[in-house]
């Protein structure tokens, strides 16, 4: 990523100016505030139920149900956005989610028993509008449609990942502050208000047309001719015809004239994509195991209130590293970046196994954050280049579910390990997950989506000047 001939800082600054030029200054603000509730309600639901019911078991079940609802339904939200456009889907889910969070707060304050609270938590998680993943899909679509360079697309992914990191640092911090000063219910109520207002603003922003299904955007460029058939004079425009080309078919079904929108077969996920999803699940496991280990070690040191700050330090460093990714030169290919980020994560996680004091914990965890955002940004970039544009939002939804699911499962498993065998056991799981991610980076070869012979729909980043697979495999 980058612009040749400029120092790193100049490349990054130019790239981010181009990214903001695609959206205007309002959309990043709205999308950041719209994704804060996702980072708030997970931790907030646990603190809320623990405060109102005095039971960590009930609180854990409610928070777990919320995370499970988000993991299971996240891909569905993405698929609906691909099929019907972001405007309708995000608007509906934002309003329903605001109601669901409000009902969960009211139920907790009313003292509803666990069998009633757990389903309410699941509904609150299932209706999350996925502003973060859909904002990433929208920004990439805007960049692709404008003919932006690969450096700008990479900067867009870096920018979005940085916003995610900041939201997941700030969200729990605001919940903790509300819990100390007043009551967790205030933070949850603020989350409901934010998702209703900023989620709606994100849905109705003029850039939402960038992700409309093919044929539904009156301002989109003319579609290319249907493969195997020239467009005759007097034919309706390409985006107003129906042309179905089954995969592997030697010739397309003849186009049917009429004012109908294009309806193409739903392309399958390429073979390398599950490996990328697995890498994100393992990255989530690194986060979850580190969280459990940090909590256990700070508790053992009698500094339990420092756990959130230690974890936040990793998030802040990760956000800074994410912003710096726009300065990486273009000659460093995507697969090379993936290997470097995962190798660094493995190496930087190993000192956790010998960490016993609070200053050392702060230092090691903060340095580990350097590898987190670069890994996430690179994997999201590889996913964007691997899948059909018509499945981009769904792919981002599945990717987020993999990350959240891996973290939730790791917290549950390593939390118990840390209780019985100490924090080193949890940190060992984090290092093992980082090692498996490195193995995936060495072995998985994500293929470039082309949509058909000779029809590469994305500008690609070769792995290097001598890569024999240039333009074919990342």
Protein backbone atom coordinates (compact mmCIF):
# COMPACT_ATOMS: atom_id res chain seq x y z
CA UNK A 1 0.00 0.00 0.00
CA UNK A 2 1.28 3.42 -0.65
CA UNK A 3 2.32 5.94 -3.23
CA UNK A 4 5.73 5.58 -4.74
CA UNK A 5 8.31 8.28 -4.23
CA UNK A 6 6.99 9.69 -0.97
CA UNK A 7 8.08 9.04 2.59
CA UNK A 8 5.80 6.83 4.68
CA UNK A 9 4.11 9.68 6.56
CA UNK A 10 3.37 11.54 3.32
CA UNK A 11 1.94 8.40 1.71
CA UNK A 12 -0.35 7.76 4.67
CA UNK A 13 -1.56 11.36 4.83
CA UNK A 14 -2.34 11.47 1.12
CA UNK A 15 -4.10 8.10 1.26
CA UNK A 16 -6.36 9.10 4.16
CA UNK A 17 -7.22 12.40 2.48
CA UNK A 18 -8.38 10.42 -0.54
CA UNK A 19 -10.43 8.12 1.69
CA UNK A 20 -12.23 11.04 3.37
CA UNK A 21 -12.75 12.53 -0.08
CA UNK A 22 -14.76 9.46 -1.04
CA UNK A 23 -17.21 9.80 1.85
CA UNK A 24 -17.09 13.35 3.15
CA UNK A 25 -16.40 14.03 6.83
CA UNK A 26 -19.89 13.13 8.11
CA UNK A 27 -19.97 9.41 7.26
CA UNK A 28 -16.90 8.41 9.33
CA UNK A 29 -18.32 10.25 12.35
CA UNK A 30 -21.73 8.65 11.98
CA UNK A 31 -20.33 5.16 11.37
CA UNK A 32 -18.00 5.42 14.37
CA UNK A 33 -20.80 6.47 16.70
CA UNK A 34 -23.09 3.86 15.13
CA UNK A 35 -20.67 1.02 15.90
CA UNK A 36 -20.04 2.10 19.52
CA UNK A 37 -23.22 0.35 20.77
CA UNK A 38 -21.91 -3.00 19.49
CA UNK A 39 -18.82 -2.59 21.66
CA UNK A 40 -20.91 -1.33 24.58
CA UNK A 41 -23.79 -3.78 24.95
CA UNK A 42 -21.66 -6.94 25.25
CA UNK A 43 -19.75 -5.75 28.32
CA UNK A 44 -22.64 -3.56 29.46
CA UNK A 45 -25.12 -6.44 29.59
CA UNK A 46 -22.81 -8.40 31.89
CA UNK A 47 -22.27 -5.46 34.27
CA UNK A 48 -25.96 -4.56 34.19
CA UNK A 49 -27.24 -8.02 35.12
CA UNK A 50 -24.47 -8.52 37.68
CA UNK A 51 -25.54 -5.24 39.34
CA UNK A 52 -29.29 -5.89 39.25
CA UNK A 53 -29.27 -9.61 40.08
CA UNK A 54 -26.06 -10.04 42.04
CA UNK A 55 -25.27 -13.20 40.06
CA UNK A 56 -22.25 -13.58 37.81
CA UNK A 57 -23.77 -16.78 36.41
CA UNK A 58 -26.90 -14.99 35.21
CA UNK A 59 -24.78 -12.12 33.93
CA UNK A 60 -22.51 -14.51 32.01
CA UNK A 61 -25.44 -16.37 30.49
CA UNK A 62 -27.05 -13.14 29.34
CA UNK A 63 -23.82 -11.77 27.87
CA UNK A 64 -23.08 -15.13 26.23
CA UNK A 65 -26.53 -15.25 24.65
CA UNK A 66 -26.02 -11.74 23.31
CA UNK A 67 -22.67 -12.71 21.75
CA UNK A 68 -24.16 -15.91 20.32
CA UNK A 69 -27.04 -14.00 18.75
CA UNK A 70 -24.60 -11.62 17.07
CA UNK A 71 -22.37 -14.44 15.80
CA UNK A 72 -25.24 -16.48 14.37
CA UNK A 73 -27.19 -13.64 12.77
CA UNK A 74 -24.30 -11.45 11.60
CA UNK A 75 -23.92 -13.29 8.27
CA UNK A 76 -27.69 -13.05 7.73
CA UNK A 77 -27.58 -9.26 8.13
CA UNK A 78 -24.75 -9.08 5.62
CA UNK A 79 -26.58 -11.29 3.12
CA UNK A 80 -29.72 -9.19 3.41
CA UNK A 81 -27.66 -6.05 2.80
CA UNK A 82 -26.15 -7.63 -0.32
CA UNK A 83 -29.58 -8.54 -1.65
CA UNK A 84 -31.62 -5.50 -0.69
CA UNK A 85 -29.07 -2.73 -0.16
CA UNK A 86 -27.77 -1.29 3.09
CA UNK A 87 -30.32 1.50 3.46
CA UNK A 88 -33.36 -0.68 4.17
CA UNK A 89 -31.53 -3.36 6.14
CA UNK A 90 -29.50 -1.07 8.42
CA UNK A 91 -32.49 1.19 9.07
CA UNK A 92 -34.69 -1.74 10.10
CA UNK A 93 -32.08 -3.46 12.26
CA UNK A 94 -31.00 -0.21 13.93
CA UNK A 95 -34.51 0.59 15.10
CA UNK A 96 -35.28 -3.00 16.16
CA UNK A 97 -31.97 -3.25 18.00
CA UNK A 98 -32.65 -0.01 19.89
CA UNK A 99 -35.97 -1.47 21.06
CA UNK A 100 -34.36 -4.82 21.95
CA UNK A 101 -31.62 -3.19 24.06
CA UNK A 102 -34.19 -1.00 25.81
CA UNK A 103 -36.33 -4.04 26.63
CA UNK A 104 -33.26 -5.87 27.97
CA UNK A 105 -32.44 -2.93 30.25
CA UNK A 106 -36.03 -2.69 31.44
CA UNK A 107 -36.15 -6.44 32.11
CA UNK A 108 -32.93 -6.36 34.12
CA UNK A 109 -34.10 -3.39 36.18
CA UNK A 110 -37.43 -5.13 36.77
CA UNK A 111 -35.63 -8.19 38.13
CA UNK A 112 -36.75 -10.69 35.50
CA UNK A 113 -35.34 -14.18 36.12
CA UNK A 114 -32.56 -15.71 34.02
CA UNK A 115 -34.90 -17.74 31.75
CA UNK A 116 -36.44 -14.44 30.63
CA UNK A 117 -33.25 -12.37 30.43
CA UNK A 118 -31.25 -14.84 28.35
CA UNK A 119 -33.65 -14.74 25.37
CA UNK A 120 -33.76 -10.93 25.61
CA UNK A 121 -29.97 -10.90 25.42
CA UNK A 122 -30.04 -13.20 22.39
CA UNK A 123 -32.50 -10.89 20.60
CA UNK A 124 -30.35 -7.84 21.39
CA UNK A 125 -27.35 -9.61 19.84
CA UNK A 126 -29.24 -10.99 16.84
CA UNK A 127 -30.50 -7.55 15.82
CA UNK A 128 -27.13 -5.74 15.87
CA UNK A 129 -27.06 -3.75 12.58
CA UNK A 130 -23.36 -4.47 11.90
CA UNK A 131 -22.51 -0.86 11.14
CA UNK A 132 -18.78 -1.59 11.28
CA UNK A 133 -18.64 -4.42 8.70
CA UNK A 134 -21.16 -2.69 6.43
CA UNK A 135 -19.24 0.60 6.65
CA UNK A 136 -16.14 -1.30 5.54
CA UNK A 137 -18.06 -2.84 2.61
CA UNK A 138 -19.51 0.56 1.67
CA UNK A 139 -16.19 2.37 1.72
CA UNK A 140 -14.51 -0.30 -0.39
CA UNK A 141 -17.42 -0.17 -2.87
CA UNK A 142 -17.06 3.62 -3.11
CA UNK A 143 -13.33 3.27 -3.74
CA UNK A 144 -13.78 0.57 -6.38
CA UNK A 145 -16.56 2.47 -8.14
CA UNK A 146 -14.49 5.65 -8.30
CA UNK A 147 -11.56 3.78 -9.85
CA UNK A 148 -9.35 4.44 -6.83
CA UNK A 149 -5.89 2.91 -6.64
CA UNK A 150 -5.13 -0.17 -4.59
CA UNK A 151 -3.30 2.10 -2.14
CA UNK A 152 -6.54 4.00 -1.49
CA UNK A 153 -8.48 0.75 -1.01
CA UNK A 154 -5.85 -0.40 1.47
CA UNK A 155 -6.04 2.92 3.31
CA UNK A 156 -9.83 2.57 3.47
CA UNK A 157 -9.48 -0.84 5.13
CA UNK A 158 -6.87 0.57 7.54
CA UNK A 159 -9.15 3.48 8.38
CA UNK A 160 -12.13 1.24 9.07
CA UNK A 161 -10.11 -1.17 11.20
CA UNK A 162 -8.80 1.76 13.24
CA UNK A 163 -12.36 2.95 13.87
CA UNK A 164 -13.24 -0.58 14.99
CA UNK A 165 -10.29 -0.71 17.37
CA UNK A 166 -11.14 2.67 18.87
CA UNK A 167 -14.79 1.72 19.33
CA UNK A 168 -13.88 -1.52 21.10
CA UNK A 169 -11.54 0.39 23.40
CA UNK A 170 -13.89 3.30 24.09
CA UNK A 171 -17.13 1.30 24.41
CA UNK A 172 -16.16 -0.85 27.44
CA UNK A 173 -14.38 2.14 29.00
CA UNK A 174 -17.60 4.18 28.86
CA UNK A 175 -19.54 1.28 30.38
CA UNK A 176 -17.02 0.96 33.19
CA UNK A 177 -17.17 4.71 33.82
CA UNK A 178 -20.97 4.65 33.96
CA UNK A 179 -20.86 1.69 36.35
CA UNK A 180 -18.47 3.51 38.70
CA UNK A 181 -20.22 6.90 38.62
CA UNK A 182 -23.85 5.78 38.47
CA UNK A 183 -25.30 2.57 36.95
CA UNK A 184 -24.56 0.38 33.88
CA UNK A 185 -28.14 0.96 32.77
CA UNK A 186 -27.20 4.51 31.72
CA UNK A 187 -24.53 3.21 29.35
CA UNK A 188 -26.96 0.67 27.88
CA UNK A 189 -29.62 3.35 27.42
CA UNK A 190 -27.06 5.56 25.67
CA UNK A 191 -26.19 2.62 23.40
CA UNK A 192 -29.85 2.22 22.46
CA UNK A 193 -30.12 5.93 21.66
CA UNK A 194 -26.91 5.88 19.59
CA UNK A 195 -27.90 2.88 17.52
CA UNK A 196 -31.30 4.44 16.80
CA UNK A 197 -29.96 7.85 15.78
CA UNK A 198 -26.55 7.13 14.27
CA UNK A 199 -27.59 3.80 12.79
CA UNK A 200 -30.44 5.60 11.05
CA UNK A 201 -28.10 8.37 9.88
CA UNK A 202 -25.68 5.77 8.50
CA UNK A 203 -28.50 3.98 6.70
CA UNK A 204 -29.86 7.16 5.11
CA UNK A 205 -26.50 8.69 4.18
CA UNK A 206 -26.31 9.37 0.41
CA UNK A 207 -23.38 6.95 0.03
CA UNK A 208 -25.68 4.00 0.80
CA UNK A 209 -26.38 3.71 -2.95
CA UNK A 210 -22.83 2.43 -3.47
CA UNK A 211 -23.84 -1.01 -2.21
CA UNK A 212 -27.20 -1.25 -3.94
CA UNK A 213 -27.76 -4.55 -5.78
CA UNK A 214 -26.93 -4.42 -9.49
CA UNK A 215 -29.56 -2.63 -11.51
CA UNK A 216 -31.08 -0.72 -8.59
CA UNK A 217 -28.80 2.31 -8.58
CA UNK A 218 -29.79 4.88 -11.17
CA UNK A 219 -26.42 6.60 -10.87
CA UNK A 220 -24.26 3.53 -11.42
CA UNK A 221 -22.07 3.22 -14.52
CA UNK A 222 -23.28 1.17 -17.44
CA UNK A 223 -22.77 -2.55 -17.01
CA UNK A 224 -20.45 -4.40 -19.38
CA UNK A 225 -22.03 -6.43 -22.19
CA UNK A 226 -23.30 -9.89 -21.30
CA UNK A 227 -20.60 -12.48 -22.00
CA UNK A 228 -21.16 -14.19 -25.34
CA UNK A 229 -23.68 -11.67 -26.71
CA UNK A 230 -23.13 -8.27 -28.28
CA UNK A 231 -25.52 -5.50 -27.37
CA UNK A 232 -27.63 -4.72 -30.40
CA UNK A 233 -28.95 -1.24 -31.24
CA UNK A 234 -32.27 -0.70 -29.54
CA UNK A 235 -31.61 -3.21 -26.75
CA UNK A 236 -32.45 -2.01 -23.23
CA UNK A 237 -29.42 -1.04 -21.12
CA UNK A 238 -27.51 -3.86 -19.51
CA UNK A 239 -28.70 -3.03 -16.00
CA UNK A 240 -32.34 -3.23 -17.18
CA UNK A 241 -32.10 -6.77 -18.64
CA UNK A 242 -32.11 -10.15 -16.94
CA UNK A 243 -29.09 -12.24 -17.85
CA UNK A 244 -28.50 -15.49 -16.02
CA UNK A 245 -25.21 -17.26 -16.69
CA UNK A 246 -24.97 -20.48 -14.71
CA UNK A 247 -21.44 -21.27 -13.51
CA UNK A 248 -19.63 -23.39 -16.10
CA UNK A 249 -22.23 -22.80 -18.79
CA UNK A 250 -20.67 -22.55 -22.28
CA UNK A 251 -23.14 -19.94 -23.36
CA UNK A 252 -25.44 -17.63 -21.43
CA UNK A 253 -29.20 -17.89 -21.33
CA UNK A 254 -30.46 -15.30 -23.84
CA UNK A 255 -31.18 -11.95 -22.30
CA UNK A 256 -34.85 -11.15 -21.83
CA UNK A 257 -35.74 -7.62 -22.82
CA UNK A 258 -37.76 -5.49 -20.45
CA UNK A 259 -37.36 -3.10 -17.53
CA UNK A 260 -36.19 -5.80 -15.12
CA UNK A 261 -33.13 -5.63 -12.96
CA UNK A 262 -30.10 -7.83 -13.52
CA UNK A 263 -30.26 -11.11 -11.60
CA UNK A 264 -27.06 -13.13 -11.75
CA UNK A 265 -26.41 -16.49 -10.07
CA UNK A 266 -25.10 -16.19 -6.53
CA UNK A 267 -21.37 -16.94 -6.85
CA UNK A 268 -19.87 -19.47 -4.44
CA UNK A 269 -17.25 -18.63 -1.86
CA UNK A 270 -13.76 -19.31 -3.28
CA UNK A 271 -11.78 -22.20 -1.71
CA UNK A 272 -9.30 -19.98 0.17
CA UNK A 273 -11.94 -17.94 1.99
CA UNK A 274 -12.64 -20.45 4.83
CA UNK A 275 -8.94 -20.27 5.72
CA UNK A 276 -9.23 -16.50 6.06
CA UNK A 277 -12.30 -16.89 8.27
CA UNK A 278 -10.35 -19.39 10.40
CA UNK A 279 -7.53 -16.86 10.75
CA UNK A 280 -9.99 -14.28 12.08
CA UNK A 281 -11.47 -16.81 14.52
CA UNK A 282 -7.97 -17.56 15.78
CA UNK A 283 -7.24 -13.83 16.11
CA UNK A 284 -10.40 -13.57 18.20
CA UNK A 285 -9.07 -16.46 20.30
CA UNK A 286 -5.85 -14.51 20.87
CA UNK A 287 -7.91 -11.55 22.08
CA UNK A 288 -10.09 -13.71 24.33
CA UNK A 289 -7.20 -15.66 25.85
CA UNK A 290 -5.26 -12.45 26.49
CA UNK A 291 -8.31 -10.93 28.14
CA UNK A 292 -8.70 -13.95 30.45
CA UNK A 293 -4.98 -14.04 31.25
CA UNK A 294 -4.82 -10.31 31.94
CA UNK A 295 -7.84 -10.53 34.24
CA UNK A 296 -6.36 -13.47 36.13
CA UNK A 297 -2.90 -11.93 36.52
CA UNK A 298 -4.11 -8.50 37.64
CA UNK A 299 -6.44 -10.22 40.12
CA UNK A 300 -3.56 -12.31 41.48
CA UNK A 301 -1.50 -9.13 41.90
CA UNK A 302 -4.35 -7.43 43.78
CA UNK A 303 -4.82 -4.93 40.95
CA UNK A 304 -8.03 -6.26 39.36
CA UNK A 305 -9.16 -2.74 38.44
CA UNK A 306 -6.16 -2.48 36.09
CA UNK A 307 -7.36 -5.27 33.77
CA UNK A 308 -9.45 -3.02 31.56
CA UNK A 309 -6.66 -0.45 31.25
CA UNK A 310 -4.09 -3.09 30.30
CA UNK A 311 -6.37 -4.49 27.61
CA UNK A 312 -7.16 -0.98 26.40
CA UNK A 313 -3.43 -0.29 26.01
CA UNK A 314 -3.23 -3.14 23.50
CA UNK A 315 -6.23 -1.70 21.63
CA UNK A 316 -4.74 1.79 21.44
CA UNK A 317 -1.41 0.48 20.13
CA UNK A 318 -3.27 -1.68 17.62
CA UNK A 319 -5.20 1.36 16.37
CA UNK A 320 -1.97 3.32 15.91
CA UNK A 321 -0.41 0.43 13.98
CA UNK A 322 -3.54 0.21 11.84
CA UNK A 323 -3.29 3.85 10.83
CA UNK A 324 0.38 3.34 9.94
CA UNK A 325 -0.49 0.53 7.53
CA UNK A 326 -1.27 3.08 4.81
CA UNK A 327 2.47 3.91 4.72
CA UNK A 328 3.51 0.35 3.80
CA UNK A 329 5.01 0.38 0.28
CA UNK A 330 3.13 -1.28 -2.57
CA UNK A 331 5.98 -3.69 -3.19
CA UNK A 332 5.11 -5.47 0.07
CA UNK A 333 2.38 -7.78 -1.21
CA UNK A 334 -0.73 -8.90 0.64
CA UNK A 335 0.43 -12.42 1.44
CA UNK A 336 3.81 -11.10 2.59
CA UNK A 337 2.07 -8.65 4.93
CA UNK A 338 -0.09 -11.49 6.26
CA UNK A 339 2.95 -13.63 7.05
CA UNK A 340 4.82 -10.75 8.65
CA UNK A 341 1.86 -9.76 10.86
CA UNK A 342 1.13 -13.30 12.05
CA UNK A 343 4.81 -14.10 12.58
CA UNK A 344 5.18 -10.94 14.63
CA UNK A 345 2.08 -11.81 16.68
CA UNK A 346 3.51 -15.23 17.51
CA UNK A 347 6.92 -13.83 18.48
CA UNK A 348 5.46 -10.96 20.54
CA UNK A 349 3.02 -13.23 22.41
CA UNK A 350 5.70 -15.55 23.77
CA UNK A 351 6.96 -13.12 26.47
CA UNK A 352 3.49 -13.30 28.04
CA UNK A 353 4.37 -16.80 29.28
CA UNK A 354 7.03 -15.37 31.60
CA UNK A 355 5.22 -12.19 32.66
CA UNK A 356 4.57 -11.95 36.41
CA UNK A 357 4.41 -8.23 37.26
CA UNK A 358 2.11 -5.37 36.30
CA UNK A 359 4.70 -3.10 34.58
CA UNK A 360 5.93 -6.01 32.47
CA UNK A 361 2.35 -6.94 31.62
CA UNK A 362 1.64 -3.41 30.40
CA UNK A 363 4.81 -3.43 28.29
CA UNK A 364 4.32 -6.87 26.70
CA UNK A 365 0.62 -6.44 25.95
CA UNK A 366 1.12 -2.97 24.49
CA UNK A 367 3.86 -4.19 22.15
CA UNK A 368 1.70 -7.17 21.15
CA UNK A 369 -0.91 -4.70 19.93
CA UNK A 370 1.46 -3.69 17.11
CA UNK A 371 0.65 -6.93 15.26
CA UNK A 372 -3.14 -7.03 15.78
CA UNK A 373 -4.57 -4.38 13.44
CA UNK A 374 -2.10 -5.13 10.60
CA UNK A 375 -3.27 -8.74 10.67
CA UNK A 376 -6.95 -7.80 10.67
CA UNK A 377 -6.51 -5.20 7.92
CA UNK A 378 -4.62 -7.62 5.70
CA UNK A 379 -7.14 -10.44 6.12
CA UNK A 380 -10.07 -8.12 5.41
CA UNK A 381 -8.21 -6.93 2.32
CA UNK A 382 -7.62 -10.50 1.15
CA UNK A 383 -11.30 -11.29 1.69
CA UNK A 384 -12.38 -8.23 -0.31
CA UNK A 385 -10.20 -9.29 -3.21
CA UNK A 386 -11.32 -12.93 -3.07
CA UNK A 387 -15.13 -12.71 -3.11
CA UNK A 388 -17.64 -11.44 -5.62
CA UNK A 389 -18.76 -7.84 -5.02
CA UNK A 390 -22.33 -9.14 -4.67
CA UNK A 391 -21.29 -11.08 -1.54
CA UNK A 392 -19.02 -8.49 0.08
CA UNK A 393 -21.36 -7.42 2.90
CA UNK A 394 -22.17 -11.04 3.73
CA UNK A 395 -18.47 -11.86 3.76
CA UNK A 396 -17.73 -8.98 6.14
CA UNK A 397 -20.58 -10.19 8.36
CA UNK A 398 -19.20 -13.74 8.49
CA UNK A 399 -15.72 -12.36 9.15
CA UNK A 400 -16.94 -10.32 12.10
CA UNK A 401 -18.88 -13.29 13.45
CA UNK A 402 -15.74 -15.43 13.24
CA UNK A 403 -13.75 -12.81 15.15
CA UNK A 404 -16.42 -12.30 17.84
CA UNK A 405 -17.14 -16.03 18.11
CA UNK A 406 -13.48 -16.92 18.49
CA UNK A 407 -13.07 -14.33 21.22
CA UNK A 408 -16.21 -15.40 23.12
CA UNK A 409 -15.25 -19.10 23.01
CA UNK A 410 -11.68 -18.36 24.11
CA UNK A 411 -12.86 -16.22 27.03
CA UNK A 412 -15.14 -19.04 28.22
CA UNK A 413 -12.48 -21.76 27.90
CA UNK A 414 -9.39 -19.87 29.04
CA UNK A 415 -11.22 -18.16 31.88
CA UNK A 416 -11.68 -21.54 33.51
CA UNK A 417 -8.10 -22.53 32.66
CA UNK A 418 -6.80 -19.36 34.29
CA UNK A 419 -8.83 -20.06 37.43
CA UNK A 420 -7.44 -23.58 37.81
CA UNK A 421 -3.93 -23.32 36.34
CA UNK A 422 -3.12 -19.63 36.55
CA UNK A 423 -2.76 -16.86 33.95
CA UNK A 424 0.14 -18.61 32.20
CA UNK A 425 -2.29 -21.26 30.92
CA UNK A 426 -4.46 -18.61 29.27
CA UNK A 427 -1.43 -16.89 27.75
CA UNK A 428 -0.25 -20.26 26.41
CA UNK A 429 -3.55 -20.61 24.55
CA UNK A 430 -3.04 -17.11 23.11
CA UNK A 431 0.42 -18.05 21.83
CA UNK A 432 -0.88 -21.35 20.41
CA UNK A 433 -3.66 -19.53 18.55
CA UNK A 434 -1.12 -17.03 17.19
CA UNK A 435 1.04 -19.94 16.04
CA UNK A 436 -1.86 -21.58 14.20
CA UNK A 437 -2.64 -18.27 12.53
CA UNK A 438 0.95 -18.08 11.31
CA UNK A 439 0.62 -21.60 9.88
CA UNK A 440 -2.49 -20.52 7.98
CA UNK A 441 -0.67 -17.50 6.59
CA UNK A 442 2.09 -19.78 5.31
CA UNK A 443 -0.24 -22.35 3.72
CA UNK A 444 -3.46 -20.66 2.56
CA UNK A 445 -3.39 -19.13 -0.92
CA UNK A 446 -6.47 -16.91 -1.39
CA UNK A 447 -7.48 -16.73 -5.06
CA UNK A 448 -8.40 -13.51 -6.82
CA UNK A 449 -12.06 -13.17 -7.75
CA UNK A 450 -12.43 -12.52 -11.47
CA UNK A 451 -16.07 -13.33 -12.14
CA UNK A 452 -15.18 -15.12 -15.36
CA UNK A 453 -12.29 -15.61 -17.77
CA UNK A 454 -10.50 -12.36 -18.39
CA UNK A 455 -12.90 -10.35 -16.26
CA UNK A 456 -11.03 -9.22 -13.14
CA UNK A 457 -13.40 -6.92 -11.30
CA UNK A 458 -10.89 -5.63 -8.75
CA UNK A 459 -7.46 -4.09 -9.06
CA UNK A 460 -5.10 -6.58 -7.46
CA UNK A 461 -1.96 -6.38 -5.42
CA UNK A 462 0.64 -8.94 -6.56
CA UNK A 463 2.67 -10.59 -3.85
CA UNK A 464 5.85 -9.16 -5.32
CA UNK A 465 7.50 -8.23 -8.62
CA UNK A 466 8.64 -11.80 -9.24
CA UNK A 467 5.44 -13.52 -8.16
CA UNK A 468 4.54 -16.09 -10.87
CA UNK A 469 0.88 -15.78 -9.87
CA UNK A 470 0.61 -12.04 -10.45
CA UNK A 471 -2.98 -11.05 -10.97
CA UNK A 472 -4.23 -14.54 -10.10
CA UNK A 473 -3.39 -15.34 -6.52
CA UNK A 474 -2.73 -12.94 -3.68
